[in-house]
């Protein structure tokens, strides 16, 4: 049994020290705000992120940012946003505010409205991701801020974020 316990400790130790990489749940301190960054490319991945948020938020209020682009690398068709299970997520998660950004910010805003998010929680859409970075840095530090982005929005968002906080380079993060 001693050999088993030693093996188990050896196997689990690296997992306990694992740091999420580029857009895969990166945890970033932005002016005291606990920011978590996720890449969402399709409804299945988006739903997995929503499930992760539900499991890790402990019913705490969160601020949510969603940046959607429709560049070639993202896919021009964003109709997949309607396949995301936002209705179920919104029934279970306490949301302080939702911010949409990117080229398809208004599409995402509309999706949240149809999913049942109350107007009081919806903030104005902004095509400029610099505004989202500023909003996050000035937000309530007691609430985690979760941002989900399509690929090109994530690249742009991290670029703007890197002017405020030191981030690992994408190539250094194992991507």
N, C-alpha and C. Protein backbone atom coordinates (compact mmCIF):
# COMPACT_ATOMS: atom_id res chain seq x y z
N UNK A 1 0.82 -1.20 0.00
CA UNK A 1 0.00 0.00 0.00
C UNK A 1 0.86 1.26 0.00
N UNK A 2 2.02 1.21 0.61
CA UNK A 2 2.89 2.38 0.63
C UNK A 2 3.30 2.77 -0.78
N UNK A 3 3.60 1.80 -1.63
CA UNK A 3 3.97 2.08 -3.01
C UNK A 3 2.85 2.77 -3.77
N UNK A 4 1.62 2.36 -3.50
CA UNK A 4 0.47 2.96 -4.16
C UNK A 4 0.33 4.43 -3.77
N UNK A 5 0.43 4.72 -2.49
CA UNK A 5 0.29 6.09 -2.02
C UNK A 5 1.38 6.97 -2.62
N UNK A 6 2.59 6.48 -2.67
CA UNK A 6 3.69 7.25 -3.25
C UNK A 6 3.43 7.52 -4.72
N UNK A 7 2.95 6.52 -5.45
CA UNK A 7 2.66 6.71 -6.85
C UNK A 7 1.54 7.73 -7.04
N UNK A 8 0.52 7.62 -6.17
CA UNK A 8 -0.60 8.55 -6.27
C UNK A 8 -0.13 9.98 -6.04
N UNK A 9 0.72 10.21 -5.05
CA UNK A 9 1.24 11.54 -4.79
C UNK A 9 2.06 12.04 -5.98
N UNK A 10 2.85 11.14 -6.56
CA UNK A 10 3.66 11.52 -7.72
C UNK A 10 2.79 11.87 -8.92
N UNK A 11 1.70 11.14 -9.08
CA UNK A 11 0.83 11.36 -10.23
C UNK A 11 -0.02 12.62 -10.07
N UNK A 12 -0.43 12.94 -8.86
CA UNK A 12 -1.34 14.06 -8.64
C UNK A 12 -0.59 15.38 -8.47
N UNK A 13 0.61 15.35 -7.97
CA UNK A 13 1.37 16.59 -7.73
C UNK A 13 1.45 17.48 -8.97
N UNK A 14 1.79 16.95 -10.15
CA UNK A 14 1.85 17.83 -11.33
C UNK A 14 0.48 18.43 -11.69
N UNK A 15 -0.58 17.69 -11.46
CA UNK A 15 -1.93 18.19 -11.77
C UNK A 15 -2.27 19.36 -10.87
N UNK A 16 -1.88 19.28 -9.59
CA UNK A 16 -2.16 20.37 -8.65
C UNK A 16 -1.43 21.66 -9.03
N UNK A 17 -0.34 21.54 -9.74
CA UNK A 17 0.45 22.72 -10.12
C UNK A 17 0.17 23.18 -11.55
N UNK A 18 -0.82 22.59 -12.19
CA UNK A 18 -1.14 22.91 -13.57
C UNK A 18 -1.72 24.32 -13.67
N UNK A 19 -1.21 25.10 -14.59
CA UNK A 19 -1.71 26.45 -14.84
C UNK A 19 -2.42 26.45 -16.19
N UNK A 20 -3.65 26.96 -16.25
CA UNK A 20 -4.35 27.03 -17.54
C UNK A 20 -3.58 27.91 -18.52
N UNK A 21 -3.69 27.60 -19.79
CA UNK A 21 -2.98 28.35 -20.82
C UNK A 21 -3.95 29.17 -21.66
N UNK A 22 -3.39 29.94 -22.54
CA UNK A 22 -4.06 30.81 -23.48
C UNK A 22 -5.54 30.50 -23.73
N UNK A 23 -6.39 31.26 -23.07
CA UNK A 23 -7.82 31.15 -23.32
C UNK A 23 -8.48 29.89 -22.80
N UNK A 24 -7.78 29.14 -22.01
CA UNK A 24 -8.36 27.89 -21.47
C UNK A 24 -8.55 28.01 -19.96
N UNK A 25 -9.14 29.11 -19.56
CA UNK A 25 -9.37 29.32 -18.14
C UNK A 25 -8.25 30.08 -17.47
N UNK A 26 -7.52 30.86 -18.27
CA UNK A 26 -6.47 31.69 -17.68
C UNK A 26 -7.04 32.52 -16.54
N UNK A 27 -6.31 32.60 -15.47
CA UNK A 27 -6.70 33.43 -14.34
C UNK A 27 -5.73 34.60 -14.27
N UNK A 28 -6.27 35.81 -14.37
CA UNK A 28 -5.46 37.01 -14.47
C UNK A 28 -5.93 38.02 -13.42
N UNK A 29 -4.99 38.62 -12.72
CA UNK A 29 -5.31 39.69 -11.78
C UNK A 29 -5.19 41.00 -12.53
N UNK A 30 -6.31 41.66 -12.74
CA UNK A 30 -6.33 42.95 -13.44
C UNK A 30 -6.79 44.01 -12.46
N UNK A 31 -5.85 44.74 -11.90
CA UNK A 31 -6.17 45.81 -10.96
C UNK A 31 -6.99 45.29 -9.78
N UNK A 32 -6.69 44.08 -9.33
CA UNK A 32 -7.40 43.50 -8.20
C UNK A 32 -8.64 42.71 -8.57
N UNK A 33 -9.02 42.73 -9.83
CA UNK A 33 -10.18 41.97 -10.29
C UNK A 33 -9.71 40.59 -10.74
N UNK A 34 -10.39 39.56 -10.29
CA UNK A 34 -10.07 38.18 -10.66
C UNK A 34 -10.73 37.87 -12.01
N UNK A 35 -9.93 37.90 -13.07
CA UNK A 35 -10.41 37.71 -14.44
C UNK A 35 -10.09 36.30 -14.91
N UNK A 36 -11.09 35.63 -15.48
CA UNK A 36 -10.92 34.30 -16.06
C UNK A 36 -11.26 34.40 -17.54
N UNK A 37 -10.38 33.87 -18.37
CA UNK A 37 -10.49 34.04 -19.81
C UNK A 37 -10.66 32.69 -20.50
N UNK A 38 -11.72 32.58 -21.35
CA UNK A 38 -12.04 31.33 -22.02
C UNK A 38 -12.24 31.54 -23.52
N UNK A 39 -11.74 30.61 -24.29
CA UNK A 39 -11.96 30.56 -25.73
C UNK A 39 -13.22 29.75 -25.98
N UNK A 40 -14.13 30.30 -26.78
CA UNK A 40 -15.35 29.58 -27.18
C UNK A 40 -15.44 29.61 -28.69
N UNK A 41 -15.52 28.43 -29.29
CA UNK A 41 -15.50 28.35 -30.76
C UNK A 41 -16.76 27.74 -31.35
N UNK A 42 -17.56 27.10 -30.50
CA UNK A 42 -18.75 26.41 -30.99
C UNK A 42 -19.69 26.19 -29.81
N UNK A 43 -20.93 25.74 -30.05
CA UNK A 43 -21.88 25.58 -28.94
C UNK A 43 -21.42 24.57 -27.89
N UNK A 44 -20.80 23.49 -28.31
CA UNK A 44 -20.36 22.47 -27.34
C UNK A 44 -19.31 23.05 -26.40
N UNK A 45 -18.33 23.75 -26.95
CA UNK A 45 -17.30 24.36 -26.12
C UNK A 45 -17.85 25.47 -25.23
N UNK A 46 -18.76 26.26 -25.76
CA UNK A 46 -19.41 27.33 -25.00
C UNK A 46 -20.17 26.71 -23.82
N UNK A 47 -20.92 25.65 -24.10
CA UNK A 47 -21.68 24.98 -23.03
C UNK A 47 -20.77 24.40 -21.95
N UNK A 48 -19.62 23.87 -22.34
CA UNK A 48 -18.66 23.35 -21.35
C UNK A 48 -18.15 24.46 -20.46
N UNK A 49 -17.89 25.61 -21.03
CA UNK A 49 -17.44 26.75 -20.21
C UNK A 49 -18.56 27.17 -19.26
N UNK A 50 -19.79 27.23 -19.74
CA UNK A 50 -20.91 27.58 -18.86
C UNK A 50 -21.06 26.58 -17.72
N UNK A 51 -20.91 25.30 -18.02
CA UNK A 51 -20.97 24.27 -16.97
C UNK A 51 -19.85 24.45 -15.96
N UNK A 52 -18.65 24.75 -16.46
CA UNK A 52 -17.51 24.99 -15.56
C UNK A 52 -17.80 26.18 -14.64
N UNK A 53 -18.36 27.25 -15.19
CA UNK A 53 -18.69 28.43 -14.39
C UNK A 53 -19.68 28.05 -13.29
N UNK A 54 -20.71 27.30 -13.66
CA UNK A 54 -21.71 26.89 -12.66
C UNK A 54 -21.08 26.07 -11.54
N UNK A 55 -20.16 25.20 -11.89
CA UNK A 55 -19.55 24.33 -10.89
C UNK A 55 -18.55 25.04 -10.00
N UNK A 56 -17.97 26.13 -10.48
CA UNK A 56 -16.90 26.78 -9.73
C UNK A 56 -17.30 28.12 -9.10
N UNK A 57 -18.46 28.64 -9.42
CA UNK A 57 -18.83 29.97 -8.93
C UNK A 57 -19.45 29.96 -7.53
N UNK A 58 -19.83 28.80 -7.04
CA UNK A 58 -20.45 28.69 -5.71
C UNK A 58 -21.64 29.64 -5.55
N UNK A 59 -22.43 29.80 -6.61
CA UNK A 59 -23.61 30.67 -6.62
C UNK A 59 -23.28 32.13 -6.37
N UNK A 60 -22.01 32.49 -6.46
CA UNK A 60 -21.58 33.88 -6.29
C UNK A 60 -21.95 34.69 -7.52
N UNK A 61 -22.28 35.98 -7.31
CA UNK A 61 -22.49 36.88 -8.44
C UNK A 61 -21.22 36.97 -9.27
N UNK A 62 -21.37 36.97 -10.58
CA UNK A 62 -20.23 37.15 -11.47
C UNK A 62 -20.55 38.24 -12.48
N UNK A 63 -19.52 38.83 -13.01
CA UNK A 63 -19.63 39.70 -14.18
C UNK A 63 -19.20 38.86 -15.37
N UNK A 64 -19.89 39.02 -16.47
CA UNK A 64 -19.63 38.20 -17.64
C UNK A 64 -19.40 39.07 -18.86
N UNK A 65 -18.33 38.78 -19.59
CA UNK A 65 -18.05 39.45 -20.85
C UNK A 65 -18.01 38.42 -21.95
N UNK A 66 -18.59 38.74 -23.09
CA UNK A 66 -18.57 37.84 -24.24
C UNK A 66 -18.18 38.66 -25.46
N UNK A 67 -17.05 38.27 -26.09
CA UNK A 67 -16.56 38.96 -27.27
C UNK A 67 -16.62 38.02 -28.46
N UNK A 68 -17.46 38.36 -29.42
CA UNK A 68 -17.69 37.51 -30.58
C UNK A 68 -17.29 38.26 -31.85
N UNK A 69 -16.42 37.64 -32.63
CA UNK A 69 -16.06 38.13 -33.95
C UNK A 69 -16.52 37.13 -35.00
N UNK A 70 -16.55 37.57 -36.23
CA UNK A 70 -16.90 36.68 -37.34
C UNK A 70 -15.85 36.76 -38.44
N UNK A 71 -14.60 36.85 -38.02
CA UNK A 71 -13.51 36.86 -38.99
C UNK A 71 -13.33 35.46 -39.56
N UNK A 72 -12.54 35.32 -40.60
CA UNK A 72 -12.33 34.02 -41.25
C UNK A 72 -11.93 32.95 -40.24
N UNK A 73 -11.00 33.27 -39.34
CA UNK A 73 -10.51 32.28 -38.37
C UNK A 73 -11.59 31.87 -37.36
N UNK A 74 -12.63 32.69 -37.22
CA UNK A 74 -13.73 32.37 -36.30
C UNK A 74 -14.85 31.62 -37.00
N UNK A 75 -14.97 31.85 -38.29
CA UNK A 75 -16.13 31.38 -39.04
C UNK A 75 -17.08 32.54 -39.21
N UNK A 76 -17.55 32.75 -40.42
CA UNK A 76 -18.41 33.89 -40.73
C UNK A 76 -19.83 33.71 -40.18
N UNK A 77 -20.26 32.47 -40.04
CA UNK A 77 -21.62 32.18 -39.60
C UNK A 77 -21.66 32.09 -38.08
N UNK A 78 -22.37 33.00 -37.43
CA UNK A 78 -22.47 32.97 -35.97
C UNK A 78 -23.83 32.46 -35.50
N UNK A 79 -24.56 31.80 -36.38
CA UNK A 79 -25.86 31.26 -35.99
C UNK A 79 -25.72 30.22 -34.87
N UNK A 80 -24.52 29.68 -34.69
CA UNK A 80 -24.28 28.70 -33.63
C UNK A 80 -24.53 29.28 -32.23
N UNK A 81 -24.52 30.60 -32.11
CA UNK A 81 -24.79 31.22 -30.81
C UNK A 81 -26.17 30.83 -30.29
N UNK A 82 -27.10 30.54 -31.20
CA UNK A 82 -28.46 30.17 -30.81
C UNK A 82 -28.53 28.73 -30.32
N UNK A 83 -27.46 27.96 -30.51
CA UNK A 83 -27.42 26.58 -30.02
C UNK A 83 -26.79 26.46 -28.64
N UNK A 84 -26.31 27.56 -28.09
CA UNK A 84 -25.71 27.57 -26.75
C UNK A 84 -26.83 27.53 -25.72
N UNK A 85 -26.65 26.77 -24.66
CA UNK A 85 -27.68 26.58 -23.62
C UNK A 85 -27.69 27.73 -22.60
N UNK A 86 -27.88 28.93 -23.07
CA UNK A 86 -27.87 30.10 -22.18
C UNK A 86 -29.06 30.12 -21.23
N UNK A 87 -30.20 29.64 -21.69
CA UNK A 87 -31.40 29.68 -20.84
C UNK A 87 -31.17 28.92 -19.54
N UNK A 88 -30.64 27.71 -19.63
CA UNK A 88 -30.37 26.89 -18.44
C UNK A 88 -29.32 27.54 -17.54
N UNK A 89 -28.30 28.07 -18.16
CA UNK A 89 -27.23 28.74 -17.42
C UNK A 89 -27.79 29.92 -16.63
N UNK A 90 -28.60 30.74 -17.27
CA UNK A 90 -29.13 31.94 -16.62
C UNK A 90 -30.09 31.61 -15.48
N UNK A 91 -30.75 30.45 -15.54
CA UNK A 91 -31.64 30.02 -14.46
C UNK A 91 -30.85 29.67 -13.20
N UNK A 92 -29.61 29.25 -13.38
CA UNK A 92 -28.83 28.73 -12.26
C UNK A 92 -27.73 29.67 -11.76
N UNK A 93 -27.28 30.60 -12.59
CA UNK A 93 -26.13 31.43 -12.23
C UNK A 93 -26.56 32.86 -11.88
N UNK A 94 -26.02 33.38 -10.80
CA UNK A 94 -26.25 34.77 -10.44
C UNK A 94 -25.30 35.65 -11.26
N UNK A 95 -25.89 36.56 -12.02
CA UNK A 95 -25.13 37.43 -12.91
C UNK A 95 -25.30 38.86 -12.44
N UNK A 96 -24.20 39.54 -12.21
CA UNK A 96 -24.26 40.97 -11.86
C UNK A 96 -24.49 41.77 -13.15
N UNK A 97 -23.58 41.62 -14.11
CA UNK A 97 -23.67 42.35 -15.38
C UNK A 97 -23.12 41.50 -16.51
N UNK A 98 -23.64 41.75 -17.70
CA UNK A 98 -23.14 41.11 -18.91
C UNK A 98 -22.71 42.21 -19.86
N UNK A 99 -21.51 42.03 -20.42
CA UNK A 99 -20.96 42.98 -21.39
C UNK A 99 -20.67 42.21 -22.66
N UNK A 100 -21.11 42.74 -23.81
CA UNK A 100 -20.79 42.11 -25.08
C UNK A 100 -19.85 43.01 -25.87
N UNK A 101 -18.98 42.38 -26.62
CA UNK A 101 -17.98 43.13 -27.39
C UNK A 101 -17.68 42.36 -28.66
N UNK A 102 -16.85 42.94 -29.50
CA UNK A 102 -16.47 42.30 -30.75
C UNK A 102 -17.37 42.74 -31.89
N UNK A 103 -17.03 42.25 -33.08
CA UNK A 103 -17.78 42.62 -34.29
C UNK A 103 -19.24 42.18 -34.22
N UNK A 104 -19.51 41.11 -33.49
CA UNK A 104 -20.89 40.60 -33.40
C UNK A 104 -21.46 40.78 -32.00
N UNK A 105 -21.06 41.89 -31.35
CA UNK A 105 -21.53 42.19 -29.99
C UNK A 105 -23.06 42.26 -29.92
N UNK A 106 -23.67 42.90 -30.91
CA UNK A 106 -25.13 43.04 -30.87
C UNK A 106 -25.84 41.71 -31.06
N UNK A 107 -25.25 40.80 -31.84
CA UNK A 107 -25.83 39.46 -31.99
C UNK A 107 -25.83 38.73 -30.64
N UNK A 108 -24.74 38.87 -29.91
CA UNK A 108 -24.64 38.22 -28.60
C UNK A 108 -25.59 38.87 -27.61
N UNK A 109 -25.72 40.17 -27.68
CA UNK A 109 -26.64 40.88 -26.81
C UNK A 109 -28.08 40.41 -27.05
N UNK A 110 -28.44 40.28 -28.32
CA UNK A 110 -29.77 39.79 -28.67
C UNK A 110 -29.98 38.37 -28.15
N UNK A 111 -28.94 37.54 -28.27
CA UNK A 111 -29.04 36.15 -27.78
C UNK A 111 -29.30 36.12 -26.28
N UNK A 112 -28.62 36.97 -25.53
CA UNK A 112 -28.85 37.06 -24.08
C UNK A 112 -30.27 37.53 -23.77
N UNK A 113 -30.76 38.49 -24.53
CA UNK A 113 -32.11 38.98 -24.32
C UNK A 113 -33.13 37.86 -24.54
N UNK A 114 -32.97 37.10 -25.62
CA UNK A 114 -33.89 36.00 -25.89
C UNK A 114 -33.75 34.88 -24.87
N UNK A 115 -32.58 34.75 -24.27
CA UNK A 115 -32.37 33.72 -23.25
C UNK A 115 -33.01 34.10 -21.92
N UNK A 116 -33.43 35.36 -21.81
CA UNK A 116 -34.17 35.77 -20.62
C UNK A 116 -33.40 36.64 -19.64
N UNK A 117 -32.23 37.11 -20.01
CA UNK A 117 -31.49 37.98 -19.11
C UNK A 117 -32.22 39.31 -18.99
N UNK A 118 -32.40 39.75 -17.77
CA UNK A 118 -33.12 41.00 -17.54
C UNK A 118 -32.31 42.20 -18.04
N UNK A 119 -33.02 43.19 -18.53
CA UNK A 119 -32.38 44.39 -19.06
C UNK A 119 -31.44 45.04 -18.06
N UNK A 120 -31.76 44.94 -16.77
CA UNK A 120 -30.93 45.58 -15.75
C UNK A 120 -29.52 45.00 -15.73
N UNK A 121 -29.37 43.77 -16.19
CA UNK A 121 -28.07 43.12 -16.17
C UNK A 121 -27.30 43.29 -17.47
N UNK A 122 -27.94 43.80 -18.49
CA UNK A 122 -27.29 43.94 -19.80
C UNK A 122 -26.66 45.32 -19.93
N UNK A 123 -25.41 45.33 -20.24
CA UNK A 123 -24.70 46.58 -20.44
C UNK A 123 -24.61 46.85 -21.94
N UNK A 124 -24.36 48.08 -22.30
CA UNK A 124 -24.26 48.43 -23.71
C UNK A 124 -23.18 47.63 -24.40
N UNK A 125 -23.45 47.26 -25.62
CA UNK A 125 -22.46 46.56 -26.42
C UNK A 125 -21.37 47.53 -26.85
N UNK A 126 -20.20 47.01 -27.02
CA UNK A 126 -19.09 47.82 -27.50
C UNK A 126 -18.30 47.01 -28.50
N UNK A 127 -18.02 47.59 -29.64
CA UNK A 127 -17.20 46.88 -30.61
C UNK A 127 -15.73 46.96 -30.21
N UNK A 128 -15.41 47.87 -29.32
CA UNK A 128 -14.03 48.11 -28.94
C UNK A 128 -13.67 47.32 -27.69
N UNK A 129 -12.75 46.38 -27.83
CA UNK A 129 -12.34 45.56 -26.69
C UNK A 129 -11.54 46.34 -25.66
N UNK A 130 -11.01 47.49 -26.04
CA UNK A 130 -10.32 48.36 -25.08
C UNK A 130 -11.30 48.81 -24.00
N UNK A 131 -12.54 49.08 -24.40
CA UNK A 131 -13.57 49.47 -23.43
C UNK A 131 -13.84 48.34 -22.44
N UNK A 132 -13.84 47.11 -22.93
CA UNK A 132 -14.08 45.97 -22.04
C UNK A 132 -12.95 45.84 -21.03
N UNK A 133 -11.71 46.00 -21.46
CA UNK A 133 -10.57 45.94 -20.53
C UNK A 133 -10.72 47.02 -19.46
N UNK A 134 -11.09 48.23 -19.88
CA UNK A 134 -11.27 49.33 -18.93
C UNK A 134 -12.40 49.02 -17.95
N UNK A 135 -13.51 48.51 -18.47
CA UNK A 135 -14.65 48.15 -17.62
C UNK A 135 -14.25 47.12 -16.57
N UNK A 136 -13.50 46.11 -17.00
CA UNK A 136 -13.07 45.07 -16.07
C UNK A 136 -12.18 45.65 -14.99
N UNK A 137 -11.21 46.48 -15.39
CA UNK A 137 -10.26 47.02 -14.41
C UNK A 137 -10.94 47.94 -13.40
N UNK A 138 -12.09 48.50 -13.76
CA UNK A 138 -12.82 49.39 -12.87
C UNK A 138 -13.99 48.71 -12.16
N UNK A 139 -14.17 47.40 -12.39
CA UNK A 139 -15.34 46.71 -11.85
C UNK A 139 -15.15 46.33 -10.37
N UNK A 140 -16.23 45.89 -9.78
CA UNK A 140 -16.26 45.46 -8.39
C UNK A 140 -15.28 44.30 -8.19
N UNK A 141 -14.29 44.51 -7.34
CA UNK A 141 -13.24 43.52 -7.12
C UNK A 141 -13.73 42.28 -6.36
N UNK A 142 -14.91 42.37 -5.76
CA UNK A 142 -15.43 41.23 -5.00
C UNK A 142 -16.11 40.19 -5.90
N UNK A 143 -16.34 40.56 -7.17
CA UNK A 143 -16.99 39.65 -8.10
C UNK A 143 -16.00 39.18 -9.16
N UNK A 144 -15.91 37.87 -9.40
CA UNK A 144 -15.06 37.42 -10.50
C UNK A 144 -15.62 37.92 -11.83
N UNK A 145 -14.74 38.13 -12.77
CA UNK A 145 -15.13 38.59 -14.10
C UNK A 145 -14.70 37.51 -15.09
N UNK A 146 -15.65 36.95 -15.79
CA UNK A 146 -15.38 35.87 -16.73
C UNK A 146 -15.61 36.40 -18.13
N UNK A 147 -14.61 36.21 -18.99
CA UNK A 147 -14.71 36.68 -20.37
C UNK A 147 -14.55 35.48 -21.30
N UNK A 148 -15.51 35.34 -22.22
CA UNK A 148 -15.49 34.28 -23.23
C UNK A 148 -15.35 34.95 -24.59
N UNK A 149 -14.43 34.43 -25.41
CA UNK A 149 -14.14 35.06 -26.69
C UNK A 149 -14.00 34.03 -27.80
N UNK A 150 -14.38 34.43 -29.01
CA UNK A 150 -14.00 33.65 -30.18
C UNK A 150 -12.50 33.88 -30.41
N UNK A 151 -11.92 33.11 -31.30
CA UNK A 151 -10.47 33.09 -31.46
C UNK A 151 -9.86 34.46 -31.74
N UNK A 152 -10.33 35.16 -32.78
CA UNK A 152 -9.71 36.44 -33.10
C UNK A 152 -10.02 37.50 -32.04
N UNK A 153 -11.18 37.41 -31.40
CA UNK A 153 -11.51 38.33 -30.32
C UNK A 153 -10.57 38.08 -29.13
N UNK A 154 -10.25 36.81 -28.88
CA UNK A 154 -9.33 36.48 -27.79
C UNK A 154 -7.94 37.04 -28.06
N UNK A 155 -7.45 36.90 -29.28
CA UNK A 155 -6.14 37.45 -29.62
C UNK A 155 -6.12 38.97 -29.42
N UNK A 156 -7.16 39.63 -29.90
CA UNK A 156 -7.26 41.08 -29.78
C UNK A 156 -7.41 41.50 -28.32
N UNK A 157 -8.25 40.79 -27.58
CA UNK A 157 -8.48 41.11 -26.18
C UNK A 157 -7.19 40.96 -25.37
N UNK A 158 -6.47 39.84 -25.58
CA UNK A 158 -5.21 39.63 -24.86
C UNK A 158 -4.20 40.71 -25.22
N UNK A 159 -4.18 41.14 -26.46
CA UNK A 159 -3.27 42.20 -26.88
C UNK A 159 -3.55 43.49 -26.11
N UNK A 160 -4.81 43.84 -25.99
CA UNK A 160 -5.19 45.05 -25.26
C UNK A 160 -4.97 44.86 -23.76
N UNK A 161 -5.24 43.69 -23.26
CA UNK A 161 -5.04 43.37 -21.85
C UNK A 161 -3.56 43.43 -21.47
N UNK A 162 -2.70 43.03 -22.41
CA UNK A 162 -1.26 43.01 -22.12
C UNK A 162 -0.67 44.40 -21.92
N UNK A 163 -1.41 45.44 -22.27
CA UNK A 163 -0.96 46.81 -22.01
C UNK A 163 -1.19 47.20 -20.56
N UNK A 164 -2.03 46.42 -19.86
CA UNK A 164 -2.35 46.69 -18.46
C UNK A 164 -1.69 45.71 -17.49
N UNK A 165 -1.42 44.50 -17.96
CA UNK A 165 -0.90 43.45 -17.08
C UNK A 165 0.02 42.54 -17.88
N UNK A 166 1.02 41.99 -17.22
CA UNK A 166 1.96 41.10 -17.90
C UNK A 166 1.28 39.74 -18.12
N UNK A 167 1.27 39.32 -19.39
CA UNK A 167 0.70 38.03 -19.77
C UNK A 167 1.80 37.18 -20.39
N UNK A 168 1.65 35.87 -20.25
CA UNK A 168 2.59 35.00 -20.95
C UNK A 168 2.32 35.10 -22.45
N UNK A 169 3.37 34.98 -23.24
CA UNK A 169 3.20 34.97 -24.67
C UNK A 169 2.48 33.69 -25.06
N UNK A 170 1.72 33.76 -26.12
CA UNK A 170 0.97 32.59 -26.55
C UNK A 170 1.91 31.43 -26.80
N UNK A 171 3.03 31.67 -27.44
CA UNK A 171 3.98 30.58 -27.73
C UNK A 171 4.60 30.02 -26.46
N UNK A 172 4.72 30.82 -25.40
CA UNK A 172 5.28 30.36 -24.12
C UNK A 172 4.25 29.59 -23.30
N UNK A 173 2.99 29.72 -23.66
CA UNK A 173 1.93 29.10 -22.87
C UNK A 173 1.57 27.70 -23.38
N UNK A 174 2.33 27.17 -24.29
CA UNK A 174 2.09 25.81 -24.74
C UNK A 174 1.07 25.70 -25.85
N UNK A 175 0.93 26.75 -26.63
CA UNK A 175 -0.07 26.73 -27.72
C UNK A 175 0.59 26.70 -29.06
